[in-house]
Amino acid sequence: MNTQLDPQKITQLLTQSTQQLDEATLAALSKARRNALAMQPSRVPAFAASTGRWTVNLMPHTTMQWLTTGLLIALLTVAGSNLWQHTNEEQISELDVAILADEMPLDVFVD
């Protein structure tokens, strides 16, 4: 048994067989195809961080999910910025304390 199917041969056979059908049958088949396509759910774009593997199981994302993701990214950005600023201020404060606690005059540090 041959399990290899030749797509071009199948296309040729289908084309030949449709040429043998009458107009009423072709019109009914065309109408059935349009109805079937109309009944299919419309595709909604889904976010995928991949190259196409396993994207069959992805669920479309709603506007609320996109807004939540954006809000989370903004929150993490603000938190990271505040942490960096706080760390920078602590380093400056430690430097000021070291300068003030030292017995050297302030004129040494000023140009």
PDB file of N, CA and C in Angstrom:
ATOM      1  N   MET A   1       0.839  -1.174   0.000  1.00  0.00           N
ATOM      2  CA  MET A   1       0.000   0.000   0.000  1.00  0.00           C
ATOM      3  C   MET A   1       0.885   1.239   0.000  1.00  0.00           C
ATOM      4  N   ASN A   2       0.571   2.164  -0.865  1.00  0.00           N
ATOM      5  CA  ASN A   2       1.358   3.384  -0.997  1.00  0.00           C
ATOM      6  C   ASN A   2       0.767   4.462  -0.091  1.00  0.00           C
ATOM      7  N   THR A   3       1.536   4.897   0.919  1.00  0.00           N
ATOM      8  CA  THR A   3       1.050   5.924   1.834  1.00  0.00           C
ATOM      9  C   THR A   3       1.506   7.313   1.415  1.00  0.00           C
ATOM     10  N   GLN A   4       2.368   7.395   0.403  1.00  0.00           N
ATOM     11  CA  GLN A   4       2.832   8.683  -0.101  1.00  0.00           C
ATOM     12  C   GLN A   4       1.769   9.251  -1.051  1.00  0.00           C
ATOM     13  N   LEU A   5       1.266  10.429  -0.755  1.00  0.00           N
ATOM     14  CA  LEU A   5       0.273  11.065  -1.597  1.00  0.00           C
ATOM     15  C   LEU A   5       0.933  12.201  -2.356  1.00  0.00           C
ATOM     16  N   ASP A   6       0.696  12.247  -3.638  1.00  0.00           N
ATOM     17  CA  ASP A   6       1.249  13.305  -4.475  1.00  0.00           C
ATOM     18  C   ASP A   6       0.215  14.421  -4.573  1.00  0.00           C
ATOM     19  N   PRO A   7       0.480  15.579  -3.994  1.00  0.00           N
ATOM     20  CA  PRO A   7      -0.506  16.667  -4.018  1.00  0.00           C
ATOM     21  C   PRO A   7      -0.876  17.125  -5.426  1.00  0.00           C
ATOM     22  N   GLN A   8       0.082  17.134  -6.328  1.00  0.00           N
ATOM     23  CA  GLN A   8      -0.224  17.577  -7.694  1.00  0.00           C
ATOM     24  C   GLN A   8      -1.154  16.596  -8.399  1.00  0.00           C
ATOM     25  N   LYS A   9      -0.949  15.303  -8.157  1.00  0.00           N
ATOM     26  CA  LYS A   9      -1.819  14.306  -8.784  1.00  0.00           C
ATOM     27  C   LYS A   9      -3.239  14.412  -8.226  1.00  0.00           C
ATOM     28  N   ILE A  10      -3.340  14.656  -6.917  1.00  0.00           N
ATOM     29  CA  ILE A  10      -4.663  14.816  -6.303  1.00  0.00           C
ATOM     30  C   ILE A  10      -5.346  16.055  -6.871  1.00  0.00           C
ATOM     31  N   THR A  11      -4.594  17.144  -7.040  1.00  0.00           N
ATOM     32  CA  THR A  11      -5.144  18.373  -7.605  1.00  0.00           C
ATOM     33  C   THR A  11      -5.655  18.146  -9.029  1.00  0.00           C
ATOM     34  N   GLN A  12      -4.877  17.431  -9.817  1.00  0.00           N
ATOM     35  CA  GLN A  12      -5.295  17.143 -11.192  1.00  0.00           C
ATOM     36  C   GLN A  12      -6.566  16.305 -11.227  1.00  0.00           C
ATOM     37  N   LEU A  13      -6.635  15.291 -10.359  1.00  0.00           N
ATOM     38  CA  LEU A  13      -7.824  14.440 -10.322  1.00  0.00           C
ATOM     39  C   LEU A  13      -9.062  15.222  -9.889  1.00  0.00           C
ATOM     40  N   LEU A  14      -8.907  16.097  -8.906  1.00  0.00           N
ATOM     41  CA  LEU A  14     -10.047  16.900  -8.454  1.00  0.00           C
ATOM     42  C   LEU A  14     -10.483  17.885  -9.533  1.00  0.00           C
ATOM     43  N   THR A  15      -9.526  18.470 -10.223  1.00  0.00           N
ATOM     44  CA  THR A  15      -9.862  19.399 -11.307  1.00  0.00           C
ATOM     45  C   THR A  15     -10.613  18.683 -12.423  1.00  0.00           C
ATOM     46  N   GLN A  16     -10.150  17.501 -12.772  1.00  0.00           N
ATOM     47  CA  GLN A  16     -10.822  16.730 -13.817  1.00  0.00           C
ATOM     48  C   GLN A  16     -12.233  16.337 -13.396  1.00  0.00           C
ATOM     49  N   SER A  17     -12.386  15.960 -12.131  1.00  0.00           N
ATOM     50  CA  SER A  17     -13.713  15.518 -11.683  1.00  0.00           C
ATOM     51  C   SER A  17     -14.684  16.692 -11.560  1.00  0.00           C
ATOM     52  N   THR A  18     -14.198  17.886 -11.227  1.00  0.00           N
ATOM     53  CA  THR A  18     -15.116  19.027 -11.154  1.00  0.00           C
ATOM     54  C   THR A  18     -15.559  19.474 -12.531  1.00  0.00           C
ATOM     55  N   GLN A  19     -14.750  19.201 -13.544  1.00  0.00           N
ATOM     56  CA  GLN A  19     -15.147  19.554 -14.907  1.00  0.00           C
ATOM     57  C   GLN A  19     -16.288  18.677 -15.404  1.00  0.00           C
ATOM     58  N   GLN A  20     -16.484  17.547 -14.757  1.00  0.00           N
ATOM     59  CA  GLN A  20     -17.544  16.631 -15.171  1.00  0.00           C
ATOM     60  C   GLN A  20     -18.864  16.921 -14.457  1.00  0.00           C
ATOM     61  N   LEU A  21     -18.880  17.822 -13.471  1.00  0.00           N
ATOM     62  CA  LEU A  21     -20.095  18.123 -12.718  1.00  0.00           C
ATOM     63  C   LEU A  21     -20.941  19.148 -13.461  1.00  0.00           C
ATOM     64  N   ASP A  22     -22.248  19.066 -13.219  1.00  0.00           N
ATOM     65  CA  ASP A  22     -23.138  20.047 -13.856  1.00  0.00           C
ATOM     66  C   ASP A  22     -23.154  21.349 -13.055  1.00  0.00           C
ATOM     67  N   GLU A  23     -23.735  22.406 -13.629  1.00  0.00           N
ATOM     68  CA  GLU A  23     -23.742  23.746 -13.026  1.00  0.00           C
ATOM     69  C   GLU A  23     -24.473  23.787 -11.686  1.00  0.00           C
ATOM     70  N   ALA A  24     -25.564  23.058 -11.553  1.00  0.00           N
ATOM     71  CA  ALA A  24     -26.342  23.069 -10.305  1.00  0.00           C
ATOM     72  C   ALA A  24     -25.524  22.486  -9.158  1.00  0.00           C
ATOM     73  N   THR A  25     -24.796  21.413  -9.429  1.00  0.00           N
ATOM     74  CA  THR A  25     -23.964  20.784  -8.397  1.00  0.00           C
ATOM     75  C   THR A  25     -22.815  21.711  -8.016  1.00  0.00           C
ATOM     76  N   LEU A  26     -22.201  22.345  -9.011  1.00  0.00           N
ATOM     77  CA  LEU A  26     -21.109  23.280  -8.719  1.00  0.00           C
ATOM     78  C   LEU A  26     -21.596  24.469  -7.898  1.00  0.00           C
ATOM     79  N   ALA A  27     -22.789  24.975  -8.219  1.00  0.00           N
ATOM     80  CA  ALA A  27     -23.351  26.092  -7.459  1.00  0.00           C
ATOM     81  C   ALA A  27     -23.645  25.676  -6.026  1.00  0.00           C
ATOM     82  N   ALA A  28     -24.186  24.449  -5.838  1.00  0.00           N
ATOM     83  CA  ALA A  28     -24.479  23.956  -4.489  1.00  0.00           C
ATOM     84  C   ALA A  28     -23.196  23.765  -3.688  1.00  0.00           C
ATOM     85  N   LEU A  29     -22.153  23.241  -4.329  1.00  0.00           N
ATOM     86  CA  LEU A  29     -20.868  23.065  -3.641  1.00  0.00           C
ATOM     87  C   LEU A  29     -20.253  24.416  -3.262  1.00  0.00           C
ATOM     88  N   SER A  30     -20.364  25.379  -4.160  1.00  0.00           N
ATOM     89  CA  SER A  30     -19.843  26.716  -3.875  1.00  0.00           C
ATOM     90  C   SER A  30     -20.591  27.360  -2.714  1.00  0.00           C
ATOM     91  N   LYS A  31     -21.909  27.196  -2.692  1.00  0.00           N
ATOM     92  CA  LYS A  31     -22.710  27.755  -1.599  1.00  0.00           C
ATOM     93  C   LYS A  31     -22.374  27.073  -0.271  1.00  0.00           C
ATOM     94  N   ALA A  32     -22.200  25.753  -0.311  1.00  0.00           N
ATOM     95  CA  ALA A  32     -21.847  25.015   0.909  1.00  0.00           C
ATOM     96  C   ALA A  32     -20.482  25.467   1.435  1.00  0.00           C
ATOM     97  N   ARG A  33     -19.549  25.724   0.520  1.00  0.00           N
ATOM     98  CA  ARG A  33     -18.226  26.193   0.932  1.00  0.00           C
ATOM     99  C   ARG A  33     -18.316  27.563   1.590  1.00  0.00           C
ATOM    100  N   ARG A  34     -19.085  28.470   0.978  1.00  0.00           N
ATOM    101  CA  ARG A  34     -19.251  29.803   1.567  1.00  0.00           C
ATOM    102  C   ARG A  34     -19.900  29.721   2.945  1.00  0.00           C
ATOM    103  N   ASN A  35     -20.905  28.857   3.093  1.00  0.00           N
ATOM    104  CA  ASN A  35     -21.563  28.693   4.402  1.00  0.00           C
ATOM    105  C   ASN A  35     -20.600  28.136   5.438  1.00  0.00           C
ATOM    106  N   ALA A  36     -19.791  27.164   5.022  1.00  0.00           N
ATOM    107  CA  ALA A  36     -18.832  26.570   5.959  1.00  0.00           C
ATOM    108  C   ALA A  36     -17.797  27.601   6.393  1.00  0.00           C
ATOM    109  N   LEU A  37     -17.343  28.428   5.447  1.00  0.00           N
ATOM    110  CA  LEU A  37     -16.360  29.461   5.799  1.00  0.00           C
ATOM    111  C   LEU A  37     -16.974  30.532   6.694  1.00  0.00           C
ATOM    112  N   ALA A  38     -18.253  30.821   6.471  1.00  0.00           N
ATOM    113  CA  ALA A  38     -18.920  31.822   7.301  1.00  0.00           C
ATOM    114  C   ALA A  38     -19.111  31.325   8.728  1.00  0.00           C
ATOM    115  N   MET A  39     -19.230  30.024   8.909  1.00  0.00           N
ATOM    116  CA  MET A  39     -19.448  29.456  10.242  1.00  0.00           C
ATOM    117  C   MET A  39     -18.165  29.307  11.049  1.00  0.00           C
ATOM    118  N   GLN A  40     -17.021  29.378  10.372  1.00  0.00           N
ATOM    119  CA  GLN A  40     -15.755  29.241  11.091  1.00  0.00           C
ATOM    120  C   GLN A  40     -15.529  30.462  11.963  1.00  0.00           C
ATOM    121  N   PRO A  41     -15.007  30.253  13.179  1.00  0.00           N
ATOM    122  CA  PRO A  41     -14.725  31.412  14.027  1.00  0.00           C
ATOM    123  C   PRO A  41     -13.587  32.222  13.418  1.00  0.00           C
ATOM    124  N   SER A  42     -13.700  33.524  13.560  1.00  0.00           N
ATOM    125  CA  SER A  42     -12.643  34.377  13.017  1.00  0.00           C
ATOM    126  C   SER A  42     -11.395  34.220  13.862  1.00  0.00           C
ATOM    127  N   ARG A  43     -10.278  34.339  13.223  1.00  0.00           N
ATOM    128  CA  ARG A  43      -9.017  34.185  13.934  1.00  0.00           C
ATOM    129  C   ARG A  43      -8.643  35.506  14.591  1.00  0.00           C
ATOM    130  N   VAL A  44      -8.218  35.403  15.841  1.00  0.00           N
ATOM    131  CA  VAL A  44      -7.778  36.571  16.593  1.00  0.00           C
ATOM    132  C   VAL A  44      -6.275  36.441  16.771  1.00  0.00           C
ATOM    133  N   PRO A  45      -5.514  37.505  16.517  1.00  0.00           N
ATOM    134  CA  PRO A  45      -4.071  37.386  16.669  1.00  0.00           C
ATOM    135  C   PRO A  45      -3.695  37.093  18.113  1.00  0.00           C
ATOM    136  N   ALA A  46      -2.733  36.218  18.271  1.00  0.00           N
ATOM    137  CA  ALA A  46      -2.257  35.840  19.600  1.00  0.00           C
ATOM    138  C   ALA A  46      -0.780  36.184  19.710  1.00  0.00           C
ATOM    139  N   PHE A  47      -0.384  36.651  20.864  1.00  0.00           N
ATOM    140  CA  PHE A  47       1.020  36.970  21.109  1.00  0.00           C
ATOM    141  C   PHE A  47       1.783  35.672  21.304  1.00  0.00           C
ATOM    142  N   ALA A  48       2.861  35.502  20.583  1.00  0.00           N
ATOM    143  CA  ALA A  48       3.669  34.298  20.714  1.00  0.00           C
ATOM    144  C   ALA A  48       5.135  34.680  20.654  1.00  0.00           C
ATOM    145  N   ALA A  49       5.864  34.300  21.669  1.00  0.00           N
ATOM    146  CA  ALA A  49       7.296  34.565  21.682  1.00  0.00           C
ATOM    147  C   ALA A  49       8.028  33.324  21.203  1.00  0.00           C
ATOM    148  N   SER A  50       7.627  32.824  20.053  1.00  0.00           N
ATOM    149  CA  SER A  50       8.270  31.644  19.506  1.00  0.00           C
ATOM    150  C   SER A  50       8.284  31.756  17.998  1.00  0.00           C
ATOM    151  N   THR A  51       8.853  30.754  17.362  1.00  0.00           N
ATOM    152  CA  THR A  51       8.961  30.774  15.907  1.00  0.00           C
ATOM    153  C   THR A  51       7.899  29.919  15.249  1.00  0.00           C
ATOM    154  N   GLY A  52       6.868  29.544  15.959  1.00  0.00           N
ATOM    155  CA  GLY A  52       5.789  28.784  15.343  1.00  0.00           C
ATOM    156  C   GLY A  52       5.576  27.416  15.939  1.00  0.00           C
ATOM    157  N   ARG A  53       6.469  26.969  16.773  1.00  0.00           N
ATOM    158  CA  ARG A  53       6.269  25.670  17.399  1.00  0.00           C
ATOM    159  C   ARG A  53       5.333  25.809  18.581  1.00  0.00           C
ATOM    160  N   TRP A  54       4.429  24.912  18.701  1.00  0.00           N
ATOM    161  CA  TRP A  54       3.471  24.833  19.806  1.00  0.00           C
ATOM    162  C   TRP A  54       2.588  26.064  19.906  1.00  0.00           C
ATOM    163  N   THR A  55       2.391  26.786  18.823  1.00  0.00           N
ATOM    164  CA  THR A  55       1.511  27.942  18.869  1.00  0.00           C
ATOM    165  C   THR A  55       0.058  27.545  18.681  1.00  0.00           C
ATOM    166  N   VAL A  56      -0.198  26.266  18.471  1.00  0.00           N
ATOM    167  CA  VAL A  56      -1.571  25.797  18.291  1.00  0.00           C
ATOM    168  C   VAL A  56      -2.354  25.961  19.588  1.00  0.00           C
ATOM    169  N   ASN A  57      -1.687  25.798  20.730  1.00  0.00           N
ATOM    170  CA  ASN A  57      -2.360  25.823  22.018  1.00  0.00           C
ATOM    171  C   ASN A  57      -2.473  27.216  22.621  1.00  0.00           C
ATOM    172  N   LEU A  58      -2.000  28.244  21.911  1.00  0.00           N
ATOM    173  CA  LEU A  58      -2.068  29.589  22.456  1.00  0.00           C
ATOM    174  C   LEU A  58      -3.499  30.109  22.432  1.00  0.00           C
ATOM    175  N   MET A  59      -3.852  30.828  23.470  1.00  0.00           N
ATOM    176  CA  MET A  59      -5.168  31.450  23.517  1.00  0.00           C
ATOM    177  C   MET A  59      -5.001  32.917  23.149  1.00  0.00           C
ATOM    178  N   PRO A  60      -5.937  33.490  22.448  1.00  0.00           N
ATOM    179  CA  PRO A  60      -5.827  34.911  22.114  1.00  0.00           C
ATOM    180  C   PRO A  60      -5.874  35.770  23.374  1.00  0.00           C
ATOM    181  N   HIS A  61      -5.161  36.864  23.332  1.00  0.00           N
ATOM    182  CA  HIS A  61      -5.113  37.755  24.484  1.00  0.00           C
ATOM    183  C   HIS A  61      -6.127  38.885  24.316  1.00  0.00           C
ATOM    184  N   THR A  62      -6.811  39.174  25.392  1.00  0.00           N
ATOM    185  CA  THR A  62      -7.802  40.250  25.369  1.00  0.00           C
ATOM    186  C   THR A  62      -7.110  41.580  25.628  1.00  0.00           C
ATOM    187  N   THR A  63      -7.848  42.651  25.425  1.00  0.00           N
ATOM    188  CA  THR A  63      -7.314  43.985  25.679  1.00  0.00           C
ATOM    189  C   THR A  63      -6.941  44.138  27.152  1.00  0.00           C
ATOM    190  N   MET A  64      -7.733  43.557  28.032  1.00  0.00           N
ATOM    191  CA  MET A  64      -7.446  43.643  29.470  1.00  0.00           C
ATOM    192  C   MET A  64      -6.116  42.965  29.801  1.00  0.00           C
ATOM    193  N   GLN A  65      -5.816  41.836  29.161  1.00  0.00           N
ATOM    194  CA  GLN A  65      -4.546  41.164  29.406  1.00  0.00           C
ATOM    195  C   GLN A  65      -3.375  42.017  28.917  1.00  0.00           C
ATOM    196  N   TRP A  66      -3.531  42.683  27.759  1.00  0.00           N
ATOM    197  CA  TRP A  66      -2.474  43.552  27.261  1.00  0.00           C
ATOM    198  C   TRP A  66      -2.274  44.733  28.201  1.00  0.00           C
ATOM    199  N   LEU A  67      -3.369  45.324  28.697  1.00  0.00           N
ATOM    200  CA  LEU A  67      -3.256  46.454  29.621  1.00  0.00           C
ATOM    201  C   LEU A  67      -2.588  46.036  30.928  1.00  0.00           C
ATOM    202  N   THR A  68      -2.941  44.865  31.431  1.00  0.00           N
ATOM    203  CA  THR A  68      -2.344  44.357  32.658  1.00  0.00           C
ATOM    204  C   THR A  68      -0.852  44.130  32.472  1.00  0.00           C
ATOM    205  N   THR A  69      -0.474  43.568  31.330  1.00  0.00           N
ATOM    206  CA  THR A  69       0.940  43.335  31.050  1.00  0.00           C
ATOM    207  C   THR A  69       1.701  44.661  30.965  1.00  0.00           C
ATOM    208  N   GLY A  70       1.118  45.652  30.295  1.00  0.00           N
ATOM    209  CA  GLY A  70       1.753  46.966  30.206  1.00  0.00           C
ATOM    210  C   GLY A  70       1.901  47.624  31.562  1.00  0.00           C
ATOM    211  N   LEU A  71       0.854  47.508  32.397  1.00  0.00           N
ATOM    212  CA  LEU A  71       0.905  48.076  33.742  1.00  0.00           C
ATOM    213  C   LEU A  71       1.982  47.394  34.582  1.00  0.00           C
ATOM    214  N   LEU A  72       2.108  46.089  34.453  1.00  0.00           N
ATOM    215  CA  LEU A  72       3.129  45.350  35.195  1.00  0.00           C
ATOM    216  C   LEU A  72       4.529  45.780  34.763  1.00  0.00           C
ATOM    217  N   ILE A  73       4.730  45.951  33.466  1.00  0.00           N
ATOM    218  CA  ILE A  73       6.034  46.395  32.977  1.00  0.00           C
ATOM    219  C   ILE A  73       6.347  47.804  33.480  1.00  0.00           C
ATOM    220  N   ALA A  74       5.348  48.694  33.447  1.00  0.00           N
ATOM    221  CA  ALA A  74       5.553  50.060  33.946  1.00  0.00           C
ATOM    222  C   ALA A  74       5.872  50.050  35.438  1.00  0.00           C
ATOM    223  N   LEU A  75       5.165  49.224  36.202  1.00  0.00           N
ATOM    224  CA  LEU A  75       5.405  49.129  37.641  1.00  0.00           C
ATOM    225  C   LEU A  75       6.817  48.626  37.933  1.00  0.00           C
ATOM    226  N   LEU A  76       7.263  47.617  37.213  1.00  0.00           N
ATOM    227  CA  LEU A  76       8.613  47.098  37.416  1.00  0.00           C
ATOM    228  C   LEU A  76       9.670  48.129  37.024  1.00  0.00           C
ATOM    229  N   THR A  77       9.396  48.907  35.989  1.00  0.00           N
ATOM    230  CA  THR A  77      10.337  49.955  35.579  1.00  0.00           C
ATOM    231  C   THR A  77      10.453  51.034  36.647  1.00  0.00           C
ATOM    232  N   VAL A  78       9.332  51.469  37.187  1.00  0.00           N
ATOM    233  CA  VAL A  78       9.345  52.497  38.243  1.00  0.00           C
ATOM    234  C   VAL A  78      10.025  51.962  39.497  1.00  0.00           C
ATOM    235  N   ALA A  79       9.745  50.727  39.875  1.00  0.00           N
ATOM    236  CA  ALA A  79      10.368  50.141  41.067  1.00  0.00           C
ATOM    237  C   ALA A  79      11.879  50.026  40.889  1.00  0.00           C
ATOM    238  N   GLY A  80      12.317  49.603  39.700  1.00  0.00           N
ATOM    239  CA  GLY A  80      13.755  49.497  39.439  1.00  0.00           C
ATOM    240  C   GLY A  80      14.434  50.856  39.465  1.00  0.00           C
ATOM    241  N   SER A  81      13.761  51.870  38.921  1.00  0.00           N
ATOM    242  CA  SER A  81      14.311  53.223  38.929  1.00  0.00           C
ATOM    243  C   SER A  81      14.429  53.756  40.352  1.00  0.00           C
ATOM    244  N   ASN A  82      13.406  53.529  41.165  1.00  0.00           N
ATOM    245  CA  ASN A  82      13.455  53.982  42.561  1.00  0.00           C
ATOM    246  C   ASN A  82      14.551  53.274  43.343  1.00  0.00           C
ATOM    247  N   LEU A  83      14.730  51.986  43.108  1.00  0.00           N
ATOM    248  CA  LEU A  83      15.782  51.239  43.796  1.00  0.00           C
ATOM    249  C   LEU A  83      17.155  51.777  43.412  1.00  0.00           C
ATOM    250  N   TRP A  84      17.344  52.040  42.121  1.00  0.00           N
ATOM    251  CA  TRP A  84      18.626  52.571  41.657  1.00  0.00           C
ATOM    252  C   TRP A  84      18.887  53.952  42.267  1.00  0.00           C
ATOM    253  N   GLN A  85      17.864  54.799  42.314  1.00  0.00           N
ATOM    254  CA  GLN A  85      18.015  56.145  42.872  1.00  0.00           C
ATOM    255  C   GLN A  85      18.330  56.069  44.365  1.00  0.00           C
ATOM    256  N   HIS A  86      17.658  55.190  45.103  1.00  0.00           N
ATOM    257  CA  HIS A  86      17.891  55.045  46.538  1.00  0.00           C
ATOM    258  C   HIS A  86      19.314  54.556  46.802  1.00  0.00           C
ATOM    259  N   THR A  87      19.772  53.602  46.019  1.00  0.00           N
ATOM    260  CA  THR A  87      21.135  53.088  46.188  1.00  0.00           C
ATOM    261  C   THR A  87      22.151  54.182  45.895  1.00  0.00           C
ATOM    262  N   ASN A  88      21.897  54.973  44.864  1.00  0.00           N
ATOM    263  CA  ASN A  88      22.802  56.069  44.506  1.00  0.00           C
ATOM    264  C   ASN A  88      22.853  57.125  45.620  1.00  0.00           C
ATOM    265  N   GLU A  89      21.697  57.463  46.202  1.00  0.00           N
ATOM    266  CA  GLU A  89      21.658  58.436  47.294  1.00  0.00           C
ATOM    267  C   GLU A  89      22.398  57.925  48.529  1.00  0.00           C
ATOM    268  N   GLU A  90      22.284  56.626  48.820  1.00  0.00           N
ATOM    269  CA  GLU A  90      23.006  56.062  49.966  1.00  0.00           C
ATOM    270  C   GLU A  90      24.511  56.170  49.772  1.00  0.00           C
ATOM    271  N   GLN A  91      24.968  55.923  48.536  1.00  0.00           N
ATOM    272  CA  GLN A  91      26.405  56.021  48.283  1.00  0.00           C
ATOM    273  C   GLN A  91      26.886  57.458  48.449  1.00  0.00           C
ATOM    274  N   ILE A  92      26.108  58.412  47.985  1.00  0.00           N
ATOM    275  CA  ILE A  92      26.483  59.821  48.136  1.00  0.00           C
ATOM    276  C   ILE A  92      26.476  60.203  49.613  1.00  0.00           C
ATOM    277  N   SER A  93      25.473  59.737  50.369  1.00  0.00           N
ATOM    278  CA  SER A  93      25.417  60.048  51.804  1.00  0.00           C
ATOM    279  C   SER A  93      26.616  59.474  52.534  1.00  0.00           C
ATOM    280  N   GLU A  94      27.003  58.241  52.205  1.00  0.00           N
ATOM    281  CA  GLU A  94      28.171  57.640  52.856  1.00  0.00           C
ATOM    282  C   GLU A  94      29.435  58.423  52.539  1.00  0.00           C
ATOM    283  N   LEU A  95      29.541  58.932  51.323  1.00  0.00           N
ATOM    284  CA  LEU A  95      30.695  59.732  50.935  1.00  0.00           C
ATOM    285  C   LEU A  95      30.713  61.056  51.701  1.00  0.00           C
ATOM    286  N   ASP A  96      29.545  61.681  51.848  1.00  0.00           N
ATOM    287  CA  ASP A  96      29.459  62.936  52.607  1.00  0.00           C
ATOM    288  C   ASP A  96      29.850  62.720  54.062  1.00  0.00           C
ATOM    289  N   VAL A  97      29.374  61.639  54.647  1.00  0.00           N
ATOM    290  CA  VAL A  97      29.718  61.341  56.045  1.00  0.00           C
ATOM    291  C   VAL A  97      31.207  61.089  56.173  1.00  0.00           C
ATOM    292  N   ALA A  98      31.791  60.392  55.224  1.00  0.00           N
ATOM    293  CA  ALA A  98      33.230  60.122  55.288  1.00  0.00           C
ATOM    294  C   ALA A  98      34.031  61.415  55.183  1.00  0.00           C
ATOM    295  N   ILE A  99      33.582  62.333  54.330  1.00  0.00           N
ATOM    296  CA  ILE A  99      34.287  63.622  54.192  1.00  0.00           C
ATOM    297  C   ILE A  99      34.144  64.440  55.469  1.00  0.00           C
ATOM    298  N   LEU A 100      32.937  64.508  56.028  1.00  0.00           N
ATOM    299  CA  LEU A 100      32.699  65.322  57.216  1.00  0.00           C
ATOM    300  C   LEU A 100      33.345  64.723  58.466  1.00  0.00           C
ATOM    301  N   ALA A 101      33.459  63.421  58.547  1.00  0.00           N
ATOM    302  CA  ALA A 101      34.043  62.784  59.727  1.00  0.00           C
ATOM    303  C   ALA A 101      35.563  62.837  59.706  1.00  0.00           C
ATOM    304  N   ASP A 102      36.130  63.055  58.569  1.00  0.00           N
ATOM    305  CA  ASP A 102      37.582  63.089  58.459  1.00  0.00           C
ATOM    306  C   ASP A 102      38.100  64.392  59.067  1.00  0.00           C
ATOM    307  N   GLU A 103      39.316  64.382  59.491  1.00  0.00           N
ATOM    308  CA  GLU A 103      39.876  65.548  60.147  1.00  0.00           C
ATOM    309  C   GLU A 103      40.519  66.502  59.160  1.00  0.00           C
ATOM    310  N   MET A 104      40.470  66.189  57.885  1.00  0.00           N
ATOM    311  CA  MET A 104      41.053  67.075  56.885  1.00  0.00           C
ATOM    312  C   MET A 104      40.128  68.267  56.666  1.00  0.00           C
ATOM    313  N   PRO A 105      40.688  69.415  56.383  1.00  0.00           N
ATOM    314  CA  PRO A 105      39.846  70.582  56.133  1.00  0.00           C
ATOM    315  C   PRO A 105      39.085  70.428  54.807  1.00  0.00           C
ATOM    316  N   LEU A 106      37.962  71.107  54.728  1.00  0.00           N
ATOM    317  CA  LEU A 106      37.109  71.025  53.555  1.00  0.00           C
ATOM    318  C   LEU A 106      37.782  71.649  52.336  1.00  0.00           C
ATOM    319  N   ASP A 107      38.728  72.583  52.540  1.00  0.00           N
ATOM    320  CA  ASP A 107      39.405  73.242  51.420  1.00  0.00           C
ATOM    321  C   ASP A 107      40.205  72.258  50.573  1.00  0.00           C
ATOM    322  N   VAL A 108      40.601  71.138  51.135  1.00  0.00           N
ATOM    323  CA  VAL A 108      41.361  70.143  50.376  1.00  0.00           C
ATOM    324  C   VAL A 108      40.491  69.552  49.270  1.00  0.00           C
ATOM    325  N   PHE A 109      39.202  69.424  49.512  1.00  0.00           N
ATOM    326  CA  PHE A 109      38.305  68.788  48.567  1.00  0.00           C
ATOM    327  C   PHE A 109      37.705  69.760  47.549  1.00  0.00           C
ATOM    328  N   VAL A 110      37.834  71.049  47.804  1.00  0.00           N
ATOM    329  CA  VAL A 110      37.250  72.059  46.930  1.00  0.00           C
ATOM    330  C   VAL A 110      38.338  72.665  46.071  1.00  0.00           C
ATOM    331  N   ASP A 111      38.117  72.822  44.807  1.00  0.00           N
ATOM    332  CA  ASP A 111      39.117  73.433  43.915  1.00  0.00           C
ATOM    333  C   ASP A 111      39.121  74.917  44.046  1.00  0.00           C
TER     334      ASP A 111
END
